Amino acid sequence: MDQTSEKKAFILTIDDDEINNMLLGAILEEEYEVVSILSGEKAIEFLKGRKPDLILLDLNMPGMNGFQVLEYLKQDKDLKEIPVIMLTAEMDQETEVKGIQSGAFDFLHKPYIPTLILTHVHRTLELISLQKRMQERINIQIQTTMNQLASTKRLFKQMVFALAKTIDAKDPYTNGHSQRVADYSREIAFRAGKSKTYQRKIFFIALLHDIGKIGVSGQVLNKPDKLTPSEYSSIKVHPIIGSSILSSVQEMEELQVGARSHHERYDGTGYPDGLAGQAIPEKARIIAVADVYDAMTSKRSYRDILPQEVVREELVKAKGTQLDPKFTDIMLQMIDEDVEYRMHE
């Protein structure tokens, strides 16, 4: 675009002295569009209809003085970013400090020196323009980073779901187990008053709680008969395998918590670490309740789905021994609300 056709910056001068306004207009009008107003009150009315690029504001005016006008500008969300140069006949450092602290961009002293006024105005407008360009670049970079982060999160989510399906595919009788345990765990966390971030995390942690079964023979997992001591030992290793697999995932360091500790028992007789009570990570205690419920309400190679009253009785027995009492009570409440016994479907 040709420079002569570029839109001139719009400057508003506010001074109760008409001669001062005329002088400022004469100095600035060749390069800028200038509007002069004789009082703070009239300036505020004017600003409701049009927004300048720069305001030159006299400090000492009857009615609303310069500080009062400046305070109004800085409290208005649509006007607070307009740069303000204060005009004063006083060479008072305390006044200037107060002005800068109140949001003034610069000070000009009377009597006006044309070259000095033009220099201050040029510099202010250039700095504001530079600030806007830098903010635009920062905003673009922030948006780009957020888009990349969102893409990474989507990829992470897709990979977690894919891994969960891989786990469940090893045992046709537990198809959908990981998803259900994740859903139950999130619901327990919600009812326990946990934050949305906590609920989101436990959902993904629960999705991969059985990932260690990848390292266990399918014949052992699908065996309809009672496991031999050797086979049971191989099953008991899967929390360690799962923890090892997930320990290198930096996206969510807690992922391994569910994999390693969901078979710990509240009374300390679980595996692999023999943790007890509150020493068991809280998310693992929630997942353990969800896991036990789904195990009893899913068809297995060695039995059918258990009746709801039996499931409830078993959870009551496990409360405080195998399972955390607080989270078991929440699951019992969920069962009592599930009058048609459809939650497991």
C-alpha atoms as a PDB file:
ATOM      1  CA  MET A   1       0.000   0.000   0.000  1.00  0.00           C
ATOM      2  CA  ASP A   2       1.290   3.501  -0.850  1.00  0.00           C
ATOM      3  CA  GLN A   3       2.376   5.375   2.286  1.00  0.00           C
ATOM      4  CA  THR A   4       0.302   8.446   1.335  1.00  0.00           C
ATOM      5  CA  SER A   5      -2.855   6.332   1.323  1.00  0.00           C
ATOM      6  CA  GLU A   6      -2.220   4.789   4.740  1.00  0.00           C
ATOM      7  CA  LYS A   7      -4.686   5.736   7.443  1.00  0.00           C
ATOM      8  CA  LYS A   8      -3.372   8.409   9.804  1.00  0.00           C
ATOM      9  CA  ALA A   9      -3.143   7.620  13.499  1.00  0.00           C
ATOM     10  CA  PHE A  10      -5.925   9.282  15.488  1.00  0.00           C
ATOM     11  CA  ILE A  11      -4.879  11.443  18.461  1.00  0.00           C
ATOM     12  CA  LEU A  12      -7.272  12.892  21.041  1.00  0.00           C
ATOM     13  CA  THR A  13      -6.086  15.957  23.000  1.00  0.00           C
ATOM     14  CA  ILE A  14      -7.872  16.807  26.258  1.00  0.00           C
ATOM     15  CA  ASP A  15      -7.090  20.238  27.749  1.00  0.00           C
ATOM     16  CA  ASP A  16      -9.375  22.908  29.240  1.00  0.00           C
ATOM     17  CA  ASP A  17      -7.182  25.602  27.633  1.00  0.00           C
ATOM     18  CA  GLU A  18      -8.400  26.109  24.069  1.00  0.00           C
ATOM     19  CA  ILE A  19      -5.141  27.792  23.015  1.00  0.00           C
ATOM     20  CA  ASN A  20      -3.126  24.772  24.181  1.00  0.00           C
ATOM     21  CA  ASN A  21      -5.439  22.501  22.206  1.00  0.00           C
ATOM     22  CA  MET A  22      -5.047  24.647  19.103  1.00  0.00           C
ATOM     23  CA  LEU A  23      -1.257  24.625  19.505  1.00  0.00           C
ATOM     24  CA  LEU A  24      -1.165  20.828  19.836  1.00  0.00           C
ATOM     25  CA  GLY A  25      -3.415  20.512  16.800  1.00  0.00           C
ATOM     26  CA  ALA A  26      -1.167  22.768  14.734  1.00  0.00           C
ATOM     27  CA  ILE A  27       1.903  20.723  15.698  1.00  0.00           C
ATOM     28  CA  LEU A  28       0.320  17.316  15.032  1.00  0.00           C
ATOM     29  CA  GLU A  29      -2.288  17.738  12.299  1.00  0.00           C
ATOM     30  CA  GLU A  30       0.114  17.402   9.371  1.00  0.00           C
ATOM     31  CA  GLU A  31       0.954  13.803  10.313  1.00  0.00           C
ATOM     32  CA  TYR A  32      -2.037  12.750  12.407  1.00  0.00           C
ATOM     33  CA  GLU A  33      -5.780  13.086  12.667  1.00  0.00           C
ATOM     34  CA  VAL A  34      -6.376  15.269  15.730  1.00  0.00           C
ATOM     35  CA  VAL A  35      -9.543  15.921  17.751  1.00  0.00           C
ATOM     36  CA  SER A  36      -9.455  18.368  20.673  1.00  0.00           C
ATOM     37  CA  ILE A  37     -11.813  18.319  23.685  1.00  0.00           C
ATOM     38  CA  LEU A  38     -11.978  20.900  26.474  1.00  0.00           C
ATOM     39  CA  SER A  39     -12.930  18.780  29.529  1.00  0.00           C
ATOM     40  CA  GLY A  40     -12.589  15.332  31.031  1.00  0.00           C
ATOM     41  CA  GLU A  41     -16.349  14.821  31.177  1.00  0.00           C
ATOM     42  CA  LYS A  42     -16.810  15.613  27.469  1.00  0.00           C
ATOM     43  CA  ALA A  43     -13.846  13.404  26.610  1.00  0.00           C
ATOM     44  CA  ILE A  44     -15.460  10.413  28.339  1.00  0.00           C
ATOM     45  CA  GLU A  45     -18.671  10.969  26.387  1.00  0.00           C
ATOM     46  CA  PHE A  46     -16.683  11.211  23.162  1.00  0.00           C
ATOM     47  CA  LEU A  47     -14.794   7.989  23.907  1.00  0.00           C
ATOM     48  CA  LYS A  48     -18.049   6.063  24.083  1.00  0.00           C
ATOM     49  CA  GLY A  49     -18.347   6.515  20.339  1.00  0.00           C
ATOM     50  CA  ARG A  50     -14.779   6.526  19.060  1.00  0.00           C
ATOM     51  CA  LYS A  51     -11.471   5.110  20.218  1.00  0.00           C
ATOM     52  CA  PRO A  52      -8.210   7.017  19.512  1.00  0.00           C
ATOM     53  CA  ASP A  53      -4.746   5.552  19.001  1.00  0.00           C
ATOM     54  CA  LEU A  54      -3.228   7.983  21.527  1.00  0.00           C
ATOM     55  CA  ILE A  55      -4.502  10.450  24.136  1.00  0.00           C
ATOM     56  CA  LEU A  56      -2.715  13.645  25.206  1.00  0.00           C
ATOM     57  CA  LEU A  57      -4.258  14.467  28.597  1.00  0.00           C
ATOM     58  CA  ASP A  58      -3.824  17.672  30.609  1.00  0.00           C
ATOM     59  CA  LEU A  59      -3.255  17.055  34.296  1.00  0.00           C
ATOM     60  CA  ASN A  60      -4.829  20.187  35.824  1.00  0.00           C
ATOM     61  CA  MET A  61      -8.401  20.713  34.610  1.00  0.00           C
ATOM     62  CA  PRO A  62     -11.550  21.889  36.412  1.00  0.00           C
ATOM     63  CA  GLY A  63     -14.113  19.182  37.094  1.00  0.00           C
ATOM     64  CA  MET A  64     -12.462  15.858  36.295  1.00  0.00           C
ATOM     65  CA  ASN A  65      -8.713  16.347  36.446  1.00  0.00           C
ATOM     66  CA  GLY A  66      -6.198  14.333  34.455  1.00  0.00           C
ATOM     67  CA  PHE A  67      -5.702  11.672  37.129  1.00  0.00           C
ATOM     68  CA  GLN A  68      -9.456  11.081  37.384  1.00  0.00           C
ATOM     69  CA  VAL A  69      -9.791  10.732  33.619  1.00  0.00           C
ATOM     70  CA  LEU A  70      -6.794   8.380  33.571  1.00  0.00           C
ATOM     71  CA  GLU A  71      -8.338   6.264  36.338  1.00  0.00           C
ATOM     72  CA  TYR A  72     -11.576   6.007  34.344  1.00  0.00           C
ATOM     73  CA  LEU A  73      -9.691   4.939  31.221  1.00  0.00           C
ATOM     74  CA  LYS A  74      -7.715   2.235  33.002  1.00  0.00           C
ATOM     75  CA  GLN A  75     -10.856   0.753  34.566  1.00  0.00           C
ATOM     76  CA  ASP A  76     -12.658   0.467  31.222  1.00  0.00           C
ATOM     77  CA  LYS A  77     -11.880  -2.805  29.446  1.00  0.00           C
ATOM     78  CA  ASP A  78     -12.310  -1.192  26.013  1.00  0.00           C
ATOM     79  CA  LEU A  79     -10.169   1.878  26.748  1.00  0.00           C
ATOM     80  CA  LYS A  80      -7.484   0.717  29.171  1.00  0.00           C
ATOM     81  CA  GLU A  81      -4.983  -0.199  26.440  1.00  0.00           C
ATOM     82  CA  ILE A  82      -4.981   3.294  24.858  1.00  0.00           C
ATOM     83  CA  PRO A  83      -1.594   4.943  25.592  1.00  0.00           C
ATOM     84  CA  VAL A  84      -1.870   8.239  27.493  1.00  0.00           C
ATOM     85  CA  ILE A  85       0.710  11.036  27.545  1.00  0.00           C
ATOM     86  CA  MET A  86       0.094  13.404  30.459  1.00  0.00           C
ATOM     87  CA  LEU A  87       0.484  17.165  29.891  1.00  0.00           C
ATOM     88  CA  THR A  88       1.612  19.366  32.786  1.00  0.00           C
ATOM     89  CA  ALA A  89       3.218  22.710  33.502  1.00  0.00           C
ATOM     90  CA  GLU A  90       4.739  21.319  36.701  1.00  0.00           C
ATOM     91  CA  MET A  91       8.239  19.858  36.911  1.00  0.00           C
ATOM     92  CA  ASP A  92       7.288  17.674  39.857  1.00  0.00           C
ATOM     93  CA  GLN A  93       8.905  14.238  40.130  1.00  0.00           C
ATOM     94  CA  GLU A  94       6.304  13.008  42.629  1.00  0.00           C
ATOM     95  CA  THR A  95       3.486  13.875  40.215  1.00  0.00           C
ATOM     96  CA  GLU A  96       5.195  12.041  37.363  1.00  0.00           C
ATOM     97  CA  VAL A  97       5.772   8.950  39.497  1.00  0.00           C
ATOM     98  CA  LYS A  98       2.103   8.966  40.477  1.00  0.00           C
ATOM     99  CA  GLY A  99       1.114   9.309  36.825  1.00  0.00           C
ATOM    100  CA  ILE A 100       3.284   6.431  35.649  1.00  0.00           C
ATOM    101  CA  GLN A 101       2.026   4.242  38.499  1.00  0.00           C
ATOM    102  CA  SER A 102      -1.546   5.119  37.496  1.00  0.00           C
ATOM    103  CA  GLY A 103      -0.927   3.958  33.947  1.00  0.00           C
ATOM    104  CA  ALA A 104       0.362   7.001  32.047  1.00  0.00           C
ATOM    105  CA  PHE A 105       2.724   6.084  29.223  1.00  0.00           C
ATOM    106  CA  ASP A 106       4.745   9.319  29.224  1.00  0.00           C
ATOM    107  CA  PHE A 107       4.830  12.979  30.347  1.00  0.00           C
ATOM    108  CA  LEU A 108       5.163  16.217  28.343  1.00  0.00           C
ATOM    109  CA  HIS A 109       5.875  19.559  29.977  1.00  0.00           C
ATOM    110  CA  LYS A 110       4.552  22.997  29.075  1.00  0.00           C
ATOM    111  CA  PRO A 111       5.393  25.248  27.307  1.00  0.00           C
ATOM    112  CA  TYR A 112       5.261  22.935  24.308  1.00  0.00           C
ATOM    113  CA  ILE A 113       8.309  22.459  22.098  1.00  0.00           C
ATOM    114  CA  PRO A 114       7.057  21.178  18.699  1.00  0.00           C
ATOM    115  CA  THR A 115      10.013  18.898  17.932  1.00  0.00           C
ATOM    116  CA  LEU A 116       9.865  17.381  21.421  1.00  0.00           C
ATOM    117  CA  ILE A 117       6.108  16.776  21.162  1.00  0.00           C
ATOM    118  CA  LEU A 118       6.477  15.104  17.765  1.00  0.00           C
ATOM    119  CA  THR A 119       9.356  12.971  19.044  1.00  0.00           C
ATOM    120  CA  HIS A 120       7.361  11.760  22.068  1.00  0.00           C
ATOM    121  CA  VAL A 121       4.265  11.065  19.973  1.00  0.00           C
ATOM    122  CA  HIS A 122       6.253   9.225  17.268  1.00  0.00           C
ATOM    123  CA  ARG A 123       8.076   7.132  19.854  1.00  0.00           C
ATOM    124  CA  THR A 124       4.909   6.254  21.763  1.00  0.00           C
ATOM    125  CA  LEU A 125       2.999   5.164  18.660  1.00  0.00           C
ATOM    126  CA  GLU A 126       5.971   3.155  17.376  1.00  0.00           C
ATOM    127  CA  LEU A 127       6.408   1.388  20.712  1.00  0.00           C
ATOM    128  CA  ILE A 128       2.695   0.572  20.922  1.00  0.00           C
ATOM    129  CA  SER A 129       2.742  -0.720  17.343  1.00  0.00           C
ATOM    130  CA  LEU A 130       5.777  -2.869  18.118  1.00  0.00           C
ATOM    131  CA  GLN A 131       4.110  -4.162  21.274  1.00  0.00           C
ATOM    132  CA  LYS A 132       0.994  -5.139  19.304  1.00  0.00           C
ATOM    133  CA  ARG A 133       3.047  -6.937  16.640  1.00  0.00           C
ATOM    134  CA  MET A 134       4.994  -8.814  19.294  1.00  0.00           C
ATOM    135  CA  GLN A 135       1.760  -9.779  21.071  1.00  0.00           C
ATOM    136  CA  GLU A 136       0.319 -11.043  17.793  1.00  0.00           C
ATOM    137  CA  ARG A 137       3.418 -13.183  17.230  1.00  0.00           C
ATOM    138  CA  ILE A 138       3.244 -14.479  20.790  1.00  0.00           C
ATOM    139  CA  ASN A 139      -0.449 -15.312  20.348  1.00  0.00           C
ATOM    140  CA  ILE A 140       0.309 -17.187  17.132  1.00  0.00           C
ATOM    141  CA  GLN A 141       3.097 -19.124  18.856  1.00  0.00           C
ATOM    142  CA  ILE A 142       0.850 -19.918  21.825  1.00  0.00           C
ATOM    143  CA  GLN A 143      -1.896 -21.151  19.502  1.00  0.00           C
ATOM    144  CA  THR A 144       0.604 -23.239  17.534  1.00  0.00           C
ATOM    145  CA  THR A 145       1.947 -24.764  20.750  1.00  0.00           C
ATOM    146  CA  MET A 146      -1.584 -25.465  22.006  1.00  0.00           C
ATOM    147  CA  ASN A 147      -2.485 -27.125  18.707  1.00  0.00           C
ATOM    148  CA  GLN A 148       0.648 -29.282  18.910  1.00  0.00           C
ATOM    149  CA  LEU A 149      -0.145 -30.168  22.525  1.00  0.00           C
ATOM    150  CA  ALA A 150      -3.728 -31.046  21.606  1.00  0.00           C
ATOM    151  CA  SER A 151      -2.426 -33.242  18.795  1.00  0.00           C
ATOM    152  CA  THR A 152      -0.017 -34.963  21.193  1.00  0.00           C
ATOM    153  CA  LYS A 153      -2.822 -35.528  23.709  1.00  0.00           C
ATOM    154  CA  ARG A 154      -5.057 -37.000  21.009  1.00  0.00           C
ATOM    155  CA  LEU A 155      -2.270 -39.335  19.928  1.00  0.00           C
ATOM    156  CA  PHE A 156      -1.616 -40.329  23.546  1.00  0.00           C
ATOM    157  CA  LYS A 157      -5.323 -41.019  24.086  1.00  0.00           C
ATOM    158  CA  GLN A 158      -5.555 -43.102  20.901  1.00  0.00           C
ATOM    159  CA  MET A 159      -2.486 -45.131  21.899  1.00  0.00           C
ATOM    160  CA  VAL A 160      -3.891 -45.816  25.371  1.00  0.00           C
ATOM    161  CA  PHE A 161      -7.178 -47.074  23.913  1.00  0.00           C
ATOM    162  CA  ALA A 162      -5.297 -49.206  21.379  1.00  0.00           C
ATOM    163  CA  LEU A 163      -3.181 -50.756  24.142  1.00  0.00           C
ATOM    164  CA  ALA A 164      -6.280 -51.423  26.247  1.00  0.00           C
ATOM    165  CA  LYS A 165      -7.893 -53.277  23.342  1.00  0.00           C
ATOM    166  CA  THR A 166      -4.687 -55.268  22.840  1.00  0.00           C
ATOM    167  CA  ILE A 167      -4.767 -56.335  26.488  1.00  0.00           C
ATOM    168  CA  ASP A 168      -8.413 -57.415  26.372  1.00  0.00           C
ATOM    169  CA  ALA A 169      -7.884 -59.288  23.097  1.00  0.00           C
ATOM    170  CA  LYS A 170      -5.655 -61.800  24.907  1.00  0.00           C
ATOM    171  CA  ASP A 171      -8.666 -63.103  26.815  1.00  0.00           C
ATOM    172  CA  PRO A 172     -12.051 -63.256  25.035  1.00  0.00           C
ATOM    173  CA  TYR A 173     -13.781 -63.549  28.409  1.00  0.00           C
ATOM    174  CA  THR A 174     -12.453 -60.177  29.549  1.00  0.00           C
ATOM    175  CA  ASN A 175     -13.247 -58.274  26.355  1.00  0.00           C
ATOM    176  CA  GLY A 176     -14.089 -54.694  27.360  1.00  0.00           C
ATOM    177  CA  HIS A 177     -12.762 -55.232  30.892  1.00  0.00           C
ATOM    178  CA  SER A 178     -10.253 -52.375  30.731  1.00  0.00           C
ATOM    179  CA  GLN A 179     -12.858 -49.905  29.465  1.00  0.00           C
ATOM    180  CA  ARG A 180     -15.368 -50.908  32.143  1.00  0.00           C
ATOM    181  CA  VAL A 181     -12.829 -50.692  34.950  1.00  0.00           C
ATOM    182  CA  ALA A 182     -11.834 -47.250  33.661  1.00  0.00           C
ATOM    183  CA  ASP A 183     -15.478 -46.139  33.601  1.00  0.00           C
ATOM    184  CA  TYR A 184     -16.167 -47.468  37.114  1.00  0.00           C
ATOM    185  CA  SER A 185     -12.972 -45.892  38.459  1.00  0.00           C
ATOM    186  CA  ARG A 186     -13.849 -42.500  37.026  1.00  0.00           C
ATOM    187  CA  GLU A 187     -17.365 -42.710  38.489  1.00  0.00           C
ATOM    188  CA  ILE A 188     -16.009 -43.641  41.927  1.00  0.00           C
ATOM    189  CA  ALA A 189     -13.565 -40.716  41.740  1.00  0.00           C
ATOM    190  CA  PHE A 190     -16.399 -38.381  40.748  1.00  0.00           C
ATOM    191  CA  ARG A 191     -18.578 -39.523  43.651  1.00  0.00           C
ATOM    192  CA  ALA A 192     -15.622 -39.156  45.997  1.00  0.00           C
ATOM    193  CA  GLY A 193     -15.451 -35.465  45.043  1.00  0.00           C
ATOM    194  CA  LYS A 194     -12.240 -35.661  43.044  1.00  0.00           C
ATOM    195  CA  SER A 195     -11.377 -32.979  40.480  1.00  0.00           C
ATOM    196  CA  LYS A 196     -12.007 -33.355  36.754  1.00  0.00           C
ATOM    197  CA  THR A 197      -8.245 -33.637  36.216  1.00  0.00           C
ATOM    198  CA  TYR A 198      -8.097 -36.473  38.752  1.00  0.00           C
ATOM    199  CA  GLN A 199     -11.050 -38.196  37.070  1.00  0.00           C
ATOM    200  CA  ARG A 200      -9.398 -37.892  33.658  1.00  0.00           C
ATOM    201  CA  LYS A 201      -6.116 -39.287  34.951  1.00  0.00           C
ATOM    202  CA  ILE A 202      -7.614 -42.253  36.762  1.00  0.00           C
ATOM    203  CA  PHE A 203      -9.604 -43.155  33.640  1.00  0.00           C
ATOM    204  CA  PHE A 204      -6.412 -43.547  31.593  1.00  0.00           C
ATOM    205  CA  ILE A 205      -4.518 -45.203  34.441  1.00  0.00           C
ATOM    206  CA  ALA A 206      -7.322 -47.747  34.821  1.00  0.00           C
ATOM    207  CA  LEU A 207      -7.458 -48.389  31.077  1.00  0.00           C
ATOM    208  CA  LEU A 208      -3.920 -49.767  31.284  1.00  0.00           C
ATOM    209  CA  HIS A 209      -4.041 -51.406  34.712  1.00  0.00           C
ATOM    210  CA  ASP A 210      -3.752 -54.899  33.163  1.00  0.00           C
ATOM    211  CA  ILE A 211      -1.137 -54.087  30.521  1.00  0.00           C
ATOM    212  CA  GLY A 212       1.289 -56.472  32.252  1.00  0.00           C
ATOM    213  CA  LYS A 213      -0.857 -59.386  31.037  1.00  0.00           C
ATOM    214  CA  ILE A 214       0.801 -58.881  27.664  1.00  0.00           C
ATOM    215  CA  GLY A 215       3.718 -60.748  29.233  1.00  0.00           C
ATOM    216  CA  VAL A 216       1.557 -63.650  30.454  1.00  0.00           C
ATOM    217  CA  SER A 217       0.785 -66.711  28.337  1.00  0.00           C
ATOM    218  CA  GLY A 218      -2.661 -66.708  26.736  1.00  0.00           C
ATOM    219  CA  GLN A 219      -3.036 -70.365  27.748  1.00  0.00           C
ATOM    220  CA  VAL A 220      -2.682 -69.367  31.386  1.00  0.00           C
ATOM    221  CA  LEU A 221      -5.068 -66.423  31.080  1.00  0.00           C
ATOM    222  CA  ASN A 222      -7.732 -68.528  29.328  1.00  0.00           C
ATOM    223  CA  LYS A 223      -7.303 -71.715  31.353  1.00  0.00           C
ATOM    224  CA  PRO A 224     -10.754 -72.908  32.566  1.00  0.00           C
ATOM    225  CA  ASP A 225      -9.300 -75.089  35.332  1.00  0.00           C
ATOM    226  CA  LYS A 226      -7.556 -74.159  38.546  1.00  0.00           C
ATOM    227  CA  LEU A 227      -4.086 -72.697  37.981  1.00  0.00           C
ATOM    228  CA  THR A 228      -0.992 -74.561  39.129  1.00  0.00           C
ATOM    229  CA  PRO A 229       1.332 -72.802  41.598  1.00  0.00           C
ATOM    230  CA  SER A 230       3.712 -72.071  38.709  1.00  0.00           C
ATOM    231  CA  GLU A 231       0.925 -70.621  36.562  1.00  0.00           C
ATOM    232  CA  TYR A 232      -0.361 -68.529  39.449  1.00  0.00           C
ATOM    233  CA  SER A 233       3.161 -67.196  39.998  1.00  0.00           C
ATOM    234  CA  SER A 234       3.309 -66.087  36.363  1.00  0.00           C
ATOM    235  CA  ILE A 235      -0.010 -64.268  36.828  1.00  0.00           C
ATOM    236  CA  LYS A 236       1.308 -62.512  39.945  1.00  0.00           C
ATOM    237  CA  VAL A 237       4.215 -61.090  37.949  1.00  0.00           C
ATOM    238  CA  HIS A 238       1.968 -59.098  35.588  1.00  0.00           C
ATOM    239  CA  PRO A 239       1.799 -55.978  37.823  1.00  0.00           C
ATOM    240  CA  ILE A 240       5.600 -55.721  37.737  1.00  0.00           C
ATOM    241  CA  ILE A 241       5.671 -56.250  33.970  1.00  0.00           C
ATOM    242  CA  GLY A 242       2.998 -53.588  33.511  1.00  0.00           C
ATOM    243  CA  SER A 243       4.781 -51.118  35.756  1.00  0.00           C
ATOM    244  CA  SER A 244       8.006 -51.657  33.831  1.00  0.00           C
ATOM    245  CA  ILE A 245       6.278 -51.106  30.482  1.00  0.00           C
ATOM    246  CA  LEU A 246       4.666 -47.843  31.604  1.00  0.00           C
ATOM    247  CA  SER A 247       7.538 -46.419  33.654  1.00  0.00           C
ATOM    248  CA  SER A 248       9.046 -44.693  30.617  1.00  0.00           C
ATOM    249  CA  VAL A 249       5.829 -42.919  29.565  1.00  0.00           C
ATOM    250  CA  GLN A 250       6.474 -39.240  30.308  1.00  0.00           C
ATOM    251  CA  GLU A 251       3.030 -38.008  29.233  1.00  0.00           C
ATOM    252  CA  MET A 252       1.563 -39.258  32.528  1.00  0.00           C
ATOM    253  CA  GLU A 253       4.022 -40.546  35.108  1.00  0.00           C
ATOM    254  CA  GLU A 254       1.207 -41.999  37.240  1.00  0.00           C
ATOM    255  CA  LEU A 255       0.212 -44.508  34.546  1.00  0.00           C
ATOM    256  CA  GLN A 256       2.291 -47.206  36.201  1.00  0.00           C
ATOM    257  CA  VAL A 257       0.514 -46.754  39.560  1.00  0.00           C
ATOM    258  CA  GLY A 258      -2.569 -48.679  38.483  1.00  0.00           C
ATOM    259  CA  ALA A 259      -0.585 -51.355  36.700  1.00  0.00           C
ATOM    260  CA  ARG A 260       1.651 -52.081  39.684  1.00  0.00           C
ATOM    261  CA  SER A 261      -0.643 -51.680  42.681  1.00  0.00           C
ATOM    262  CA  HIS A 262      -4.182 -52.748  41.712  1.00  0.00           C
ATOM    263  CA  HIS A 263      -3.637 -56.204  43.297  1.00  0.00           C
ATOM    264  CA  GLU A 264      -2.431 -54.820  46.627  1.00  0.00           C
ATOM    265  CA  ARG A 265      -4.835 -55.584  49.484  1.00  0.00           C
ATOM    266  CA  TYR A 266      -5.940 -53.129  52.130  1.00  0.00           C
ATOM    267  CA  ASP A 267      -4.805 -55.548  54.864  1.00  0.00           C
ATOM    268  CA  GLY A 268      -1.300 -55.803  53.370  1.00  0.00           C
ATOM    269  CA  THR A 269      -1.515 -59.376  52.033  1.00  0.00           C
ATOM    270  CA  GLY A 270      -1.639 -58.429  48.353  1.00  0.00           C
ATOM    271  CA  TYR A 271       1.078 -58.321  45.697  1.00  0.00           C
ATOM    272  CA  PRO A 272       3.622 -57.419  44.384  1.00  0.00           C
ATOM    273  CA  ASP A 273       4.811 -55.102  47.200  1.00  0.00           C
ATOM    274  CA  GLY A 274       2.651 -56.090  50.174  1.00  0.00           C
ATOM    275  CA  LEU A 275       1.477 -52.516  50.736  1.00  0.00           C
ATOM    276  CA  ALA A 276      -1.326 -51.879  53.228  1.00  0.00           C
ATOM    277  CA  GLY A 277      -3.972 -49.221  53.871  1.00  0.00           C
ATOM    278  CA  GLN A 278      -3.086 -45.664  52.914  1.00  0.00           C
ATOM    279  CA  ALA A 279       0.360 -46.773  51.741  1.00  0.00           C
ATOM    280  CA  ILE A 280      -1.341 -48.163  48.641  1.00  0.00           C
ATOM    281  CA  PRO A 281      -1.626 -45.324  46.087  1.00  0.00           C
ATOM    282  CA  GLU A 282      -5.144 -43.901  46.226  1.00  0.00           C
ATOM    283  CA  LYS A 283      -5.826 -44.319  42.514  1.00  0.00           C
ATOM    284  CA  ALA A 284      -4.813 -47.979  42.773  1.00  0.00           C
ATOM    285  CA  ARG A 285      -7.252 -48.442  45.681  1.00  0.00           C
ATOM    286  CA  ILE A 286     -10.066 -47.046  43.547  1.00  0.00           C
ATOM    287  CA  ILE A 287      -9.089 -49.190  40.559  1.00  0.00           C
ATOM    288  CA  ALA A 288      -8.963 -52.280  42.790  1.00  0.00           C
ATOM    289  CA  VAL A 289     -12.624 -51.797  43.756  1.00  0.00           C
ATOM    290  CA  ALA A 290     -13.631 -51.304  40.125  1.00  0.00           C
ATOM    291  CA  ASP A 291     -11.552 -54.317  39.054  1.00  0.00           C
ATOM    292  CA  VAL A 292     -13.108 -56.633  41.654  1.00  0.00           C
ATOM    293  CA  TYR A 293     -16.620 -55.523  40.734  1.00  0.00           C
ATOM    294  CA  ASP A 294     -16.024 -56.110  37.020  1.00  0.00           C
ATOM    295  CA  ALA A 295     -14.433 -59.501  37.687  1.00  0.00           C
ATOM    296  CA  MET A 296     -17.592 -60.649  39.458  1.00  0.00           C
ATOM    297  CA  THR A 297     -20.012 -59.153  36.930  1.00  0.00           C
ATOM    298  CA  SER A 298     -18.254 -60.509  33.822  1.00  0.00           C
ATOM    299  CA  LYS A 299     -18.477 -63.991  32.351  1.00  0.00           C
ATOM    300  CA  ARG A 300     -15.234 -65.921  32.795  1.00  0.00           C
ATOM    301  CA  SER A 301     -13.894 -69.179  31.331  1.00  0.00           C
ATOM    302  CA  TYR A 302     -14.626 -70.945  34.620  1.00  0.00           C
ATOM    303  CA  ARG A 303     -17.989 -69.372  35.640  1.00  0.00           C
ATOM    304  CA  ASP A 304     -20.920 -67.210  34.581  1.00  0.00           C
ATOM    305  CA  ILE A 305     -21.807 -63.689  35.794  1.00  0.00           C
ATOM    306  CA  LEU A 306     -22.537 -63.673  39.518  1.00  0.00           C
ATOM    307  CA  PRO A 307     -25.976 -62.538  40.765  1.00  0.00           C
ATOM    308  CA  GLN A 308     -26.046 -58.952  41.997  1.00  0.00           C
ATOM    309  CA  GLU A 309     -26.819 -59.908  45.604  1.00  0.00           C
ATOM    310  CA  VAL A 310     -23.766 -62.191  45.631  1.00  0.00           C
ATOM    311  CA  VAL A 311     -21.606 -59.406  44.191  1.00  0.00           C
ATOM    312  CA  ARG A 312     -22.794 -57.078  46.922  1.00  0.00           C
ATOM    313  CA  GLU A 313     -22.160 -59.640  49.668  1.00  0.00           C
ATOM    314  CA  GLU A 314     -18.631 -60.286  48.400  1.00  0.00           C
ATOM    315  CA  LEU A 315     -17.832 -56.572  48.316  1.00  0.00           C
ATOM    316  CA  VAL A 316     -19.069 -56.180  51.894  1.00  0.00           C
ATOM    317  CA  LYS A 317     -16.781 -59.075  52.927  1.00  0.00           C
ATOM    318  CA  ALA A 318     -13.836 -57.475  51.088  1.00  0.00           C
ATOM    319  CA  LYS A 319     -14.385 -54.065  52.676  1.00  0.00           C
ATOM    320  CA  GLY A 320     -11.457 -53.232  54.946  1.00  0.00           C
ATOM    321  CA  THR A 321      -9.609 -56.474  54.174  1.00  0.00           C
ATOM    322  CA  GLN A 322      -9.070 -56.614  50.426  1.00  0.00           C
ATOM    323  CA  LEU A 323     -10.524 -53.220  49.520  1.00  0.00           C
ATOM    324  CA  ASP A 324     -10.471 -49.636  50.787  1.00  0.00           C
ATOM    325  CA  PRO A 325     -13.653 -49.130  52.896  1.00  0.00           C
ATOM    326  CA  LYS A 326     -14.352 -45.622  51.604  1.00  0.00           C
ATOM    327  CA  PHE A 327     -14.293 -46.529  47.928  1.00  0.00           C
ATOM    328  CA  THR A 328     -16.040 -49.845  48.540  1.00  0.00           C
ATOM    329  CA  ASP A 329     -18.927 -47.937  50.125  1.00  0.00           C
ATOM    330  CA  ILE A 330     -19.194 -45.809  46.996  1.00  0.00           C
ATOM    331  CA  MET A 331     -19.351 -48.930  44.815  1.00  0.00           C
ATOM    332  CA  LEU A 332     -22.003 -50.418  47.113  1.00  0.00           C
ATOM    333  CA  GLN A 333     -24.024 -47.238  46.675  1.00  0.00           C
ATOM    334  CA  MET A 334     -23.681 -47.576  42.885  1.00  0.00           C
ATOM    335  CA  ILE A 335     -24.898 -51.182  43.122  1.00  0.00           C
ATOM    336  CA  ASP A 336     -27.895 -50.181  45.241  1.00  0.00           C
ATOM    337  CA  GLU A 337     -28.843 -47.585  42.625  1.00  0.00           C
ATOM    338  CA  ASP A 338     -28.527 -50.190  39.853  1.00  0.00           C
ATOM    339  CA  VAL A 339     -31.889 -51.805  40.607  1.00  0.00           C
ATOM    340  CA  GLU A 340     -32.148 -53.482  37.194  1.00  0.00           C
ATOM    341  CA  TYR A 341     -28.564 -54.826  37.369  1.00  0.00           C
ATOM    342  CA  ARG A 342     -27.499 -53.198  34.110  1.00  0.00           C
ATOM    343  CA  MET A 343     -24.377 -51.279  35.160  1.00  0.00           C
ATOM    344  CA  HIS A 344     -22.101 -54.122  34.077  1.00  0.00           C
ATOM    345  CA  GLU A 345     -23.528 -54.274  30.555  1.00  0.00           C
END
